[in-house]
C-alpha atoms as a PDB file:
ATOM      1  CA  MET A   1      15.404 -50.450  12.654  1.00  0.00           C
ATOM      2  CA  LYS A   2      11.648 -50.443  11.925  1.00  0.00           C
ATOM      3  CA  ARG A   3      10.449 -48.426   8.949  1.00  0.00           C
ATOM      4  CA  GLY A   4       8.428 -45.811  10.900  1.00  0.00           C
ATOM      5  CA  THR A   5      11.012 -45.149  13.288  1.00  0.00           C
ATOM      6  CA  LEU A   6      13.737 -44.841  10.233  1.00  0.00           C
ATOM      7  CA  LEU A   7      11.336 -42.313   8.684  1.00  0.00           C
ATOM      8  CA  LEU A   8      10.950 -40.420  11.979  1.00  0.00           C
ATOM      9  CA  SER A   9      14.617 -40.293  12.381  1.00  0.00           C
ATOM     10  CA  GLY A  10      15.185 -39.177   8.711  1.00  0.00           C
ATOM     11  CA  ALA A  11      12.561 -36.322   9.195  1.00  0.00           C
ATOM     12  CA  LEU A  12      13.980 -35.254  12.464  1.00  0.00           C
ATOM     13  CA  ALA A  13      17.521 -35.066  10.955  1.00  0.00           C
ATOM     14  CA  ALA A  14      16.104 -33.081   7.859  1.00  0.00           C
ATOM     15  CA  LEU A  15      14.298 -30.663  10.119  1.00  0.00           C
ATOM     16  CA  ALA A  16      17.593 -29.926  12.277  1.00  0.00           C
ATOM     17  CA  LEU A  17      19.792 -29.312   9.177  1.00  0.00           C
ATOM     18  CA  VAL A  18      17.156 -26.947   8.125  1.00  0.00           C
ATOM     19  CA  LEU A  19      16.919 -25.209  11.380  1.00  0.00           C
ATOM     20  CA  SER A  20      20.729 -24.952  11.702  1.00  0.00           C
ATOM     21  CA  ALA A  21      20.878 -23.135   8.428  1.00  0.00           C
ATOM     22  CA  CYS A  22      18.586 -20.525   9.311  1.00  0.00           C
ATOM     23  CA  GLY A  23      20.985 -19.030  11.834  1.00  0.00           C
ATOM     24  CA  GLY A  24      17.990 -18.291  14.345  1.00  0.00           C
ATOM     25  CA  ASP A  25      14.591 -16.845  14.052  1.00  0.00           C
ATOM     26  CA  SER A  26      14.249 -16.364  10.339  1.00  0.00           C
ATOM     27  CA  SER A  27      11.081 -14.539  10.479  1.00  0.00           C
ATOM     28  CA  GLY A  28      12.815 -11.656  11.938  1.00  0.00           C
ATOM     29  CA  GLU A  29       9.869 -11.559  14.434  1.00  0.00           C
ATOM     30  CA  GLY A  30      10.650  -9.695  18.186  1.00  0.00           C
ATOM     31  CA  GLY A  31      13.442 -10.874  20.291  1.00  0.00           C
ATOM     32  CA  GLY A  32      15.331 -13.448  18.144  1.00  0.00           C
ATOM     33  CA  ASP A  33      18.423 -13.267  16.292  1.00  0.00           C
ATOM     34  CA  ALA A  34      18.964 -10.229  14.042  1.00  0.00           C
ATOM     35  CA  VAL A  35      17.856 -11.554  10.368  1.00  0.00           C
ATOM     36  CA  THR A  36      19.362 -10.416   6.766  1.00  0.00           C
ATOM     37  CA  SER A  37      16.024 -12.008   5.135  1.00  0.00           C
ATOM     38  CA  PHE A  38      12.601 -12.346   6.479  1.00  0.00           C
ATOM     39  CA  ASN A  39       9.200 -12.614   5.343  1.00  0.00           C
ATOM     40  CA  VAL A  40       5.941 -10.457   6.570  1.00  0.00           C
ATOM     41  CA  GLU A  41       2.045 -11.221   5.830  1.00  0.00           C
ATOM     42  CA  GLY A  42      -0.402  -8.250   5.752  1.00  0.00           C
ATOM     43  CA  LYS A  43      -4.276  -8.356   5.776  1.00  0.00           C
ATOM     44  CA  GLU A  44      -6.971  -6.279   6.667  1.00  0.00           C
ATOM     45  CA  PHE A  45      -5.816  -4.026   8.408  1.00  0.00           C
ATOM     46  CA  ALA A  46      -2.755  -5.457  10.405  1.00  0.00           C
ATOM     47  CA  PHE A  47       0.580  -7.098   9.697  1.00  0.00           C
ATOM     48  CA  VAL A  48       0.502 -10.760  11.118  1.00  0.00           C
ATOM     49  CA  ALA A  49       3.591 -10.001  13.213  1.00  0.00           C
ATOM     50  CA  ASP A  50       3.978  -6.290  14.112  1.00  0.00           C
ATOM     51  CA  SER A  51       7.686  -6.592  15.498  1.00  0.00           C
ATOM     52  CA  TRP A  52      10.680  -7.532  13.526  1.00  0.00           C
ATOM     53  CA  ARG A  53      14.375  -7.617  14.392  1.00  0.00           C
ATOM     54  CA  VAL A  54      16.975  -7.204  11.612  1.00  0.00           C
ATOM     55  CA  ALA A  55      20.693  -6.626  11.151  1.00  0.00           C
ATOM     56  CA  ALA A  56      22.075  -3.010  10.991  1.00  0.00           C
ATOM     57  CA  ASN A  57      24.177  -1.572   8.187  1.00  0.00           C
ATOM     58  CA  GLN A  58      23.620  -4.826   6.047  1.00  0.00           C
ATOM     59  CA  ASP A  59      21.310  -5.551   3.183  1.00  0.00           C
ATOM     60  CA  VAL A  60      18.250  -6.785   4.394  1.00  0.00           C
ATOM     61  CA  THR A  61      15.693  -8.664   2.113  1.00  0.00           C
ATOM     62  CA  ILE A  62      12.053  -8.751   2.998  1.00  0.00           C
ATOM     63  CA  THR A  63       9.129 -10.371   1.116  1.00  0.00           C
ATOM     64  CA  PHE A  64       5.949  -8.911   1.803  1.00  0.00           C
ATOM     65  CA  ASN A  65       3.143 -11.398   1.412  1.00  0.00           C
ATOM     66  CA  ASN A  66      -0.263  -9.621   1.244  1.00  0.00           C
ATOM     67  CA  ILE A  67      -2.866 -12.286   2.348  1.00  0.00           C
ATOM     68  CA  GLY A  68      -5.721  -9.913   2.093  1.00  0.00           C
ATOM     69  CA  PRO A  69      -7.983  -9.018  -1.221  1.00  0.00           C
ATOM     70  CA  LEU A  70      -7.096  -5.132  -0.869  1.00  0.00           C
ATOM     71  CA  GLU A  71      -3.926  -3.414  -1.747  1.00  0.00           C
ATOM     72  CA  HIS A  72      -1.113  -3.103   0.952  1.00  0.00           C
ATOM     73  CA  ASP A  73       2.659  -1.879   1.495  1.00  0.00           C
ATOM     74  CA  TRP A  74       5.107  -2.451   3.965  1.00  0.00           C
ATOM     75  CA  SER A  75       6.889   0.917   4.571  1.00  0.00           C
ATOM     76  CA  VAL A  76       9.677   2.284   7.135  1.00  0.00           C
ATOM     77  CA  LEU A  77       9.455   5.734   8.264  1.00  0.00           C
ATOM     78  CA  SER A  78      12.052   8.007   9.248  1.00  0.00           C
ATOM     79  CA  SER A  79      10.197   9.244  12.206  1.00  0.00           C
ATOM     80  CA  THR A  80       7.241   8.106  14.511  1.00  0.00           C
ATOM     81  CA  ILE A  81       3.820   9.575  13.625  1.00  0.00           C
ATOM     82  CA  SER A  82       0.619   9.243  15.646  1.00  0.00           C
ATOM     83  CA  GLY A  83      -2.452   6.968  14.566  1.00  0.00           C
ATOM     84  CA  ASP A  84      -4.556  10.150  13.712  1.00  0.00           C
ATOM     85  CA  ASP A  85      -2.002  11.263  11.072  1.00  0.00           C
ATOM     86  CA  GLU A  86      -1.878  10.010   7.443  1.00  0.00           C
ATOM     87  CA  VAL A  87       1.392   9.226   6.026  1.00  0.00           C
ATOM     88  CA  ALA A  88       3.363  11.823   4.541  1.00  0.00           C
ATOM     89  CA  GLU A  89       5.540  10.169   1.720  1.00  0.00           C
ATOM     90  CA  ASP A  90       8.624  12.433   2.611  1.00  0.00           C
ATOM     91  CA  LEU A  91       8.563  10.400   5.877  1.00  0.00           C
ATOM     92  CA  VAL A  92       9.041   6.957   4.095  1.00  0.00           C
ATOM     93  CA  ILE A  93      12.668   5.788   3.946  1.00  0.00           C
ATOM     94  CA  PHE A  94      11.932   2.409   2.465  1.00  0.00           C
ATOM     95  CA  LYS A  95       8.869   0.741   0.763  1.00  0.00           C
ATOM     96  CA  VAL A  96       8.106  -2.744  -0.592  1.00  0.00           C
ATOM     97  CA  ALA A  97       5.828  -1.819  -3.582  1.00  0.00           C
ATOM     98  CA  ARG A  98       2.072  -1.975  -3.048  1.00  0.00           C
ATOM     99  CA  VAL A  99       0.385  -5.482  -3.816  1.00  0.00           C
ATOM    100  CA  SER A 100      -2.915  -6.838  -3.922  1.00  0.00           C
ATOM    101  CA  GLY A 101      -3.389 -10.460  -3.109  1.00  0.00           C
ATOM    102  CA  GLY A 102       0.391 -11.488  -3.926  1.00  0.00           C
ATOM    103  CA  SER A 103       4.111 -10.824  -3.119  1.00  0.00           C
ATOM    104  CA  SER A 104       6.319  -8.208  -3.462  1.00  0.00           C
ATOM    105  CA  THR A 105      10.168  -8.188  -2.252  1.00  0.00           C
ATOM    106  CA  GLY A 106      12.660  -5.423  -1.469  1.00  0.00           C
ATOM    107  CA  THR A 107      16.114  -5.014   0.252  1.00  0.00           C
ATOM    108  CA  PHE A 108      16.857  -2.102   2.659  1.00  0.00           C
ATOM    109  CA  ASN A 109      20.080  -1.384   4.575  1.00  0.00           C
ATOM    110  CA  LEU A 110      19.347   0.939   7.815  1.00  0.00           C
ATOM    111  CA  PRO A 111      21.681   2.253  10.786  1.00  0.00           C
ATOM    112  CA  PRO A 112      20.648   0.728  14.019  1.00  0.00           C
ATOM    113  CA  GLY A 113      17.547   2.226  15.555  1.00  0.00           C
ATOM    114  CA  THR A 114      13.814   1.584  16.046  1.00  0.00           C
ATOM    115  CA  TYR A 115      11.440   2.566  13.389  1.00  0.00           C
ATOM    116  CA  GLN A 116       7.862   2.445  12.782  1.00  0.00           C
ATOM    117  CA  VAL A 117       6.403   0.408   9.781  1.00  0.00           C
ATOM    118  CA  VAL A 118       3.181   1.423   8.207  1.00  0.00           C
ATOM    119  CA  CYS A 119       1.088   0.703   5.394  1.00  0.00           C
ATOM    120  CA  THR A 120       0.858   3.752   3.587  1.00  0.00           C
ATOM    121  CA  VAL A 121      -2.428   3.071   1.553  1.00  0.00           C
ATOM    122  CA  PRO A 122      -4.732   5.886   2.877  1.00  0.00           C
ATOM    123  CA  GLY A 123      -6.551   4.935   5.908  1.00  0.00           C
ATOM    124  CA  HIS A 124      -4.794   1.822   6.547  1.00  0.00           C
ATOM    125  CA  PHE A 125      -2.617   3.169   9.160  1.00  0.00           C
ATOM    126  CA  VAL A 126      -5.169   5.131  10.881  1.00  0.00           C
ATOM    127  CA  ALA A 127      -7.148   1.506  10.983  1.00  0.00           C
ATOM    128  CA  GLY A 128      -4.088   0.174  13.109  1.00  0.00           C
ATOM    129  CA  MET A 129      -1.784  -1.193  10.036  1.00  0.00           C
ATOM    130  CA  GLU A 130       1.582  -0.545  11.679  1.00  0.00           C
ATOM    131  CA  GLY A 131       4.634  -2.206  13.480  1.00  0.00           C
ATOM    132  CA  THR A 132       7.989  -1.754  14.680  1.00  0.00           C
ATOM    133  CA  LEU A 133      11.339  -2.658  12.935  1.00  0.00           C
ATOM    134  CA  HIS A 134      14.496  -3.216  15.317  1.00  0.00           C
ATOM    135  CA  VAL A 135      17.479  -2.710  13.471  1.00  0.00           C
ATOM    136  CA  VAL A 136      20.349  -4.058  15.568  1.00  0.00           C
ATOM    137  CA  ASP A 137      24.293  -4.507  15.809  1.00  0.00           C
ATOM    138  CA  GLY A 138      25.283  -8.155  15.307  1.00  0.00           C
END
């Protein structure tokens, strides 16, 4: 085999191994398999993906990466609020600690359902920093 073909074959084999170890969409985004760990990026004033799909009744670990210069968090609410409302802390059932230009990790365990996710820094939710967390069986 030529050297280039051998290198390409090795790279493809390594990629296949990594993908099979993930067991599906490891980002937790949208309609892929429900995951138990995922990464989220936040910036001014949005989450880079705004929909995530995670496993119900299992510990789920999130790493929140703030890629913007302002402070942000990723908070799951117990009920849905409108874009005109500020976020009441008593609605927050899980929050990844606020971080400015870095990362924060947390673990949650929720029953099946659809949850609203927002940034609770004053003014950020109103500016559009929200998403949807789909917690599903299996």
